[in-house]
Amino acid sequence: MKIRLLNENLVSDLCWLAEYGFSAWIEYGRTRILFDTGWSDVWCRNAETAEIDVQSADVIALSHFHSDHSRGLLFHPFVENKKLILHPRVMTALLDPFIEPPDRHLPHRYSEIERKIRSDFQIVEASEPLEFTSGAFFLGQIPRVIPFERGYYYEDAMEDDTALAFRTDKGAVVVTGCSHSGICNICTYAKEITGQDLHAVIGGFHLVHPEKPAVEETIEWFKAEKIPRLLPVHCVSFDIQARLQTEFEYDRPGAGSLIEI
């Protein structure tokens, strides 16, 4: 299994581009998956640098509707209508101009993304876990079971926030977009759905200020789980990222990084 970060807040080196957002190209066996697309065409340009043929994508999946994960679809180069998996709430949220606090995310015309999705993709809506290829799961709606995780984005319950999970011979690999639903909630559900203990968790952990995340509780939860590879990126405040790196001793990946399982 290989995961190439096509977009992330920081670059891994000077060959790549970065912007606030997330996108990953995942090769799982013979299946090629594009997970999220960031804000602009950065994901396409980094794919070209990595010599990835994005036309070979078998599946595209969205973690949630926010523009730093979905707006890159406006710049897609696909010549055929690809399968796009998303939670049903994504399509309604894209048409609701009041869904986000006015001081968050620049104005971006979500309706343009909604129209692009409807015209250019085969939409597969999934609120329940969906095994889209053997051993690979779109998790659907994440149950909120961890008491210290609020599972909200401000006052939005974020029912659409989800992640991908993969069975491997080393254990479950989880790839998250932003984890508004709670990174520990996501990991707990991934273990249930895959039937495996966790080997790696990669992506946005949504441990950000000023939302007052439960950092200490999250660290203790991860220590109890004894997960071999934790690689948080994107929506983690700098001081919390530093704390996680101190506790779990990992090299932070960035746009362009190749992660192999």
Protein backbone atom coordinates (compact mmCIF):
# COMPACT_ATOMS: atom_id res chain seq x y z
CA MET A 1 0.00 0.00 0.00
CA LYS A 2 1.30 3.44 -0.97
CA ILE A 3 -0.01 6.87 -0.02
CA ARG A 4 1.23 9.99 -1.80
CA LEU A 5 0.19 13.28 -0.22
CA LEU A 6 -0.90 15.42 -3.17
CA ASN A 7 -1.78 18.37 -0.99
CA GLU A 8 -1.14 19.43 2.58
CA ASN A 9 -0.40 22.66 4.44
CA LEU A 10 3.39 22.27 4.16
CA VAL A 11 5.71 20.88 1.50
CA SER A 12 8.00 17.90 2.11
CA ASP A 13 10.70 19.57 -0.01
CA LEU A 14 11.08 22.26 -2.66
CA CYS A 15 9.83 20.07 -5.53
CA TRP A 16 6.21 20.38 -4.40
CA LEU A 17 3.39 22.87 -3.94
CA ALA A 18 1.27 23.27 -0.82
CA GLU A 19 -1.85 25.07 0.37
CA TYR A 20 -4.19 24.81 3.33
CA GLY A 21 -6.12 21.62 2.62
CA PHE A 22 -5.69 17.92 2.06
CA SER A 23 -5.51 15.43 -0.80
CA ALA A 24 -4.01 11.94 -1.05
CA TRP A 25 -3.43 9.42 -3.81
CA ILE A 26 -3.73 5.89 -2.44
CA GLU A 27 -2.62 2.70 -4.17
CA TYR A 28 -4.15 -0.29 -2.43
CA GLY A 29 -3.40 -3.47 -4.32
CA ARG A 30 -4.58 -2.74 -7.85
CA THR A 31 -7.06 -0.06 -6.78
CA ARG A 32 -6.22 3.63 -7.22
CA ILE A 33 -8.04 6.07 -4.94
CA LEU A 34 -8.10 9.87 -4.89
CA PHE A 35 -9.11 10.99 -1.41
CA ASP A 36 -10.04 14.69 -1.17
CA THR A 37 -8.78 17.36 -3.57
CA GLY A 38 -7.78 20.40 -1.52
CA TRP A 39 -8.77 23.94 -2.47
CA SER A 40 -7.34 24.39 -5.99
CA ASP A 41 -5.42 22.57 -8.70
CA VAL A 42 -2.41 21.95 -6.44
CA TRP A 43 -3.32 18.25 -6.23
CA CYS A 44 -3.24 17.93 -10.03
CA ARG A 45 0.09 19.73 -10.32
CA ASN A 46 1.71 17.64 -7.60
CA ALA A 47 0.34 14.48 -9.22
CA GLU A 48 2.08 15.50 -12.42
CA THR A 49 5.34 16.06 -10.54
CA ALA A 50 4.96 12.61 -8.97
CA GLU A 51 4.27 11.13 -12.45
CA ILE A 52 0.88 9.87 -11.32
CA ASP A 53 -1.67 9.24 -14.05
CA VAL A 54 -4.80 10.56 -12.33
CA GLN A 55 -6.91 9.16 -15.19
CA SER A 56 -6.19 5.73 -13.68
CA ALA A 57 -8.22 6.56 -10.55
CA ASP A 58 -10.78 3.84 -9.83
CA VAL A 59 -12.51 5.70 -7.01
CA ILE A 60 -12.66 9.26 -5.68
CA ALA A 61 -13.85 9.87 -2.13
CA LEU A 62 -14.59 13.00 -0.12
CA SER A 63 -14.03 13.17 3.62
CA HIS A 64 -16.57 16.01 4.03
CA PHE A 65 -17.91 19.06 2.21
CA HIS A 66 -15.51 21.83 3.35
CA SER A 67 -13.84 23.64 0.49
CA ASP A 68 -10.25 22.90 1.55
CA HIS A 69 -11.09 19.25 0.82
CA SER A 70 -13.63 19.49 -2.02
CA ARG A 71 -13.04 22.63 -4.11
CA GLY A 72 -10.18 21.01 -6.05
CA LEU A 73 -12.84 19.03 -7.91
CA LEU A 74 -13.48 22.21 -9.92
CA PHE A 75 -10.06 21.68 -11.54
CA HIS A 76 -10.24 17.95 -12.22
CA PRO A 77 -8.87 16.71 -15.55
CA PHE A 78 -10.91 13.50 -15.79
CA VAL A 79 -12.11 12.62 -19.28
CA GLU A 80 -14.76 10.20 -18.04
CA ASN A 81 -17.27 10.27 -15.21
CA LYS A 82 -15.47 8.74 -12.26
CA LYS A 83 -17.15 7.13 -9.26
CA LEU A 84 -17.31 9.63 -6.38
CA ILE A 85 -18.17 8.32 -2.90
CA LEU A 86 -19.50 10.75 -0.32
CA HIS A 87 -21.85 11.03 2.63
CA PRO A 88 -25.36 12.11 1.50
CA ARG A 89 -25.18 15.26 3.60
CA VAL A 90 -22.33 16.62 1.43
CA MET A 91 -24.66 17.54 -1.43
CA THR A 92 -27.16 19.38 0.78
CA ALA A 93 -24.43 21.14 2.76
CA LEU A 94 -22.85 22.49 -0.43
CA LEU A 95 -26.12 24.32 -1.16
CA ASP A 96 -26.59 25.80 2.32
CA PRO A 97 -24.95 29.24 2.51
CA PHE A 98 -25.38 29.39 6.29
CA ILE A 99 -23.76 26.08 7.14
CA GLU A 100 -20.45 27.63 8.27
CA PRO A 101 -19.67 30.51 10.62
CA PRO A 102 -19.18 33.70 8.55
CA ASP A 103 -15.61 34.17 9.79
CA ARG A 104 -14.46 30.72 8.67
CA HIS A 105 -13.37 29.79 5.13
CA LEU A 106 -13.24 32.48 2.47
CA PRO A 107 -16.31 32.97 0.22
CA HIS A 108 -16.09 30.26 -2.40
CA ARG A 109 -19.50 29.54 -3.95
CA TYR A 110 -20.10 26.01 -2.72
CA SER A 111 -22.90 25.72 -5.27
CA GLU A 112 -20.28 25.62 -8.04
CA ILE A 113 -18.78 22.51 -6.47
CA GLU A 114 -22.22 20.91 -6.16
CA ARG A 115 -22.96 21.52 -9.86
CA LYS A 116 -19.56 20.15 -10.88
CA ILE A 117 -20.08 17.01 -8.85
CA ARG A 118 -23.52 16.37 -10.32
CA SER A 119 -22.40 16.95 -13.91
CA ASP A 120 -19.02 15.23 -13.94
CA PHE A 121 -19.17 12.24 -11.55
CA GLN A 122 -21.06 9.06 -10.77
CA ILE A 123 -22.24 9.89 -7.25
CA VAL A 124 -22.30 7.09 -4.70
CA GLU A 125 -23.88 8.23 -1.44
CA ALA A 126 -22.98 6.22 1.64
CA SER A 127 -23.91 6.95 5.23
CA GLU A 128 -23.08 3.37 6.24
CA PRO A 129 -19.67 1.73 5.80
CA LEU A 130 -19.03 0.83 2.17
CA GLU A 131 -16.42 -1.74 1.14
CA PHE A 132 -15.64 -0.30 -2.29
CA THR A 133 -12.93 -2.84 -3.02
CA SER A 134 -11.96 -5.91 -1.00
CA GLY A 135 -10.44 -4.72 2.28
CA ALA A 136 -10.98 -0.98 1.63
CA PHE A 137 -13.78 0.91 3.39
CA PHE A 138 -15.45 4.29 3.13
CA LEU A 139 -16.55 4.54 6.77
CA GLY A 140 -19.69 6.63 6.31
CA GLN A 141 -21.17 8.40 9.33
CA ILE A 142 -18.89 8.12 12.35
CA PRO A 143 -20.51 7.20 15.70
CA ARG A 144 -19.59 9.63 18.50
CA VAL A 145 -18.56 7.27 21.29
CA ILE A 146 -15.48 8.93 22.81
CA PRO A 147 -16.62 11.14 25.72
CA PHE A 148 -13.83 13.73 25.41
CA GLU A 149 -14.43 14.38 21.69
CA ARG A 150 -17.18 16.84 20.85
CA GLY A 151 -17.49 15.77 17.21
CA TYR A 152 -18.64 19.20 16.04
CA TYR A 153 -17.23 22.03 13.93
CA TYR A 154 -18.41 25.04 15.92
CA GLU A 155 -22.19 24.45 15.91
CA ASP A 156 -22.22 22.09 12.93
CA ALA A 157 -22.62 18.42 13.90
CA MET A 158 -20.66 17.43 10.75
CA GLU A 159 -22.55 14.21 10.07
CA ASP A 160 -20.72 13.98 6.74
CA ASP A 161 -17.19 13.93 8.20
CA THR A 162 -15.65 10.51 7.56
CA ALA A 163 -12.47 8.65 6.61
CA LEU A 164 -11.10 5.63 4.76
CA ALA A 165 -9.89 2.42 6.39
CA PHE A 166 -7.89 -0.43 4.88
CA ARG A 167 -7.11 -3.95 6.02
CA THR A 168 -3.43 -4.87 5.72
CA ASP A 169 -1.30 -7.73 6.97
CA LYS A 170 0.10 -5.34 9.60
CA GLY A 171 -3.27 -4.10 10.81
CA ALA A 172 -5.76 -1.41 9.85
CA VAL A 173 -4.58 1.74 8.09
CA VAL A 174 -6.76 4.82 8.49
CA VAL A 175 -6.56 7.85 6.21
CA THR A 176 -8.45 10.88 7.48
CA GLY A 177 -9.34 14.18 5.86
CA CYS A 178 -10.03 16.53 8.78
CA SER A 179 -11.51 14.42 11.61
CA HIS A 180 -14.20 16.89 12.64
CA SER A 181 -16.05 13.85 13.97
CA GLY A 182 -13.13 13.14 16.30
CA ILE A 183 -9.93 11.30 15.44
CA CYS A 184 -10.44 8.78 18.26
CA ASN A 185 -14.06 8.23 17.20
CA ILE A 186 -12.82 7.54 13.67
CA CYS A 187 -10.12 5.14 14.83
CA THR A 188 -12.54 3.28 17.11
CA TYR A 189 -14.98 2.82 14.24
CA ALA A 190 -12.22 1.79 11.82
CA LYS A 191 -11.19 -0.99 14.21
CA GLU A 192 -14.79 -2.19 14.38
CA ILE A 193 -15.35 -2.13 10.63
CA THR A 194 -12.01 -3.68 9.58
CA GLY A 195 -11.86 -6.14 12.46
CA GLN A 196 -8.20 -5.25 13.00
CA ASP A 197 -6.09 -3.31 15.46
CA LEU A 198 -4.62 -0.08 14.12
CA HIS A 199 -1.25 -0.05 12.37
CA ALA A 200 -1.23 3.50 10.97
CA VAL A 201 -3.33 6.67 11.14
CA ILE A 202 -2.52 9.33 8.53
CA GLY A 203 -4.15 12.68 7.73
CA GLY A 204 -5.88 15.58 9.45
CA PHE A 205 -6.52 15.05 13.18
CA HIS A 206 -8.40 18.34 13.76
CA LEU A 207 -6.55 19.27 16.92
CA VAL A 208 -6.74 23.01 16.37
CA HIS A 209 -7.13 26.22 18.31
CA PRO A 210 -9.44 27.96 19.16
CA GLU A 211 -11.69 24.90 19.37
CA LYS A 212 -10.04 23.76 22.62
CA PRO A 213 -9.32 20.15 21.63
CA ALA A 214 -8.80 17.52 24.32
CA VAL A 215 -5.08 17.15 23.61
CA GLU A 216 -4.05 15.34 26.79
CA GLU A 217 -6.90 12.85 26.56
CA THR A 218 -6.15 12.21 22.88
CA ILE A 219 -2.48 11.56 23.58
CA GLU A 220 -3.34 9.13 26.37
CA TRP A 221 -5.83 7.37 24.09
CA PHE A 222 -3.22 6.91 21.37
CA LYS A 223 -0.66 5.66 23.91
CA ALA A 224 -3.14 3.06 25.14
CA GLU A 225 -3.79 1.92 21.55
CA LYS A 226 -0.03 1.49 20.87
CA ILE A 227 -0.39 2.43 17.19
CA PRO A 228 2.96 1.95 15.40
CA ARG A 229 2.58 4.85 12.94
CA LEU A 230 0.86 8.14 13.68
CA LEU A 231 1.25 10.80 10.99
CA PRO A 232 -0.97 13.83 11.71
CA VAL A 233 -0.95 16.63 9.12
CA HIS A 234 -3.17 19.49 7.86
CA CYS A 235 -5.46 20.65 10.70
CA VAL A 236 -3.17 20.39 13.72
CA SER A 237 -1.99 23.59 15.40
CA PHE A 238 1.79 24.04 15.48
CA ASP A 239 2.14 23.70 19.25
CA ILE A 240 -0.02 20.55 19.29
CA GLN A 241 1.93 19.11 16.35
CA ALA A 242 5.15 19.70 18.31
CA ARG A 243 3.66 17.96 21.33
CA LEU A 244 2.58 14.96 19.26
CA GLN A 245 6.00 14.70 17.63
CA THR A 246 7.64 14.76 21.05
CA GLU A 247 5.34 12.06 22.39
CA PHE A 248 5.30 9.75 19.36
CA GLU A 249 8.62 10.51 17.62
CA TYR A 250 7.65 10.73 13.96
CA ASP A 251 8.86 12.82 11.05
CA ARG A 252 6.00 15.03 9.91
CA PRO A 253 5.13 14.38 6.24
CA GLY A 254 4.01 17.13 3.87
CA ALA A 255 2.82 17.66 0.31
CA GLY A 256 4.76 15.27 -1.91
CA SER A 257 5.56 12.75 0.82
CA LEU A 258 5.29 9.07 -0.09
CA ILE A 259 4.16 6.82 2.74
CA GLU A 260 4.54 3.09 2.20
CA ILE A 261 2.89 0.37 4.28
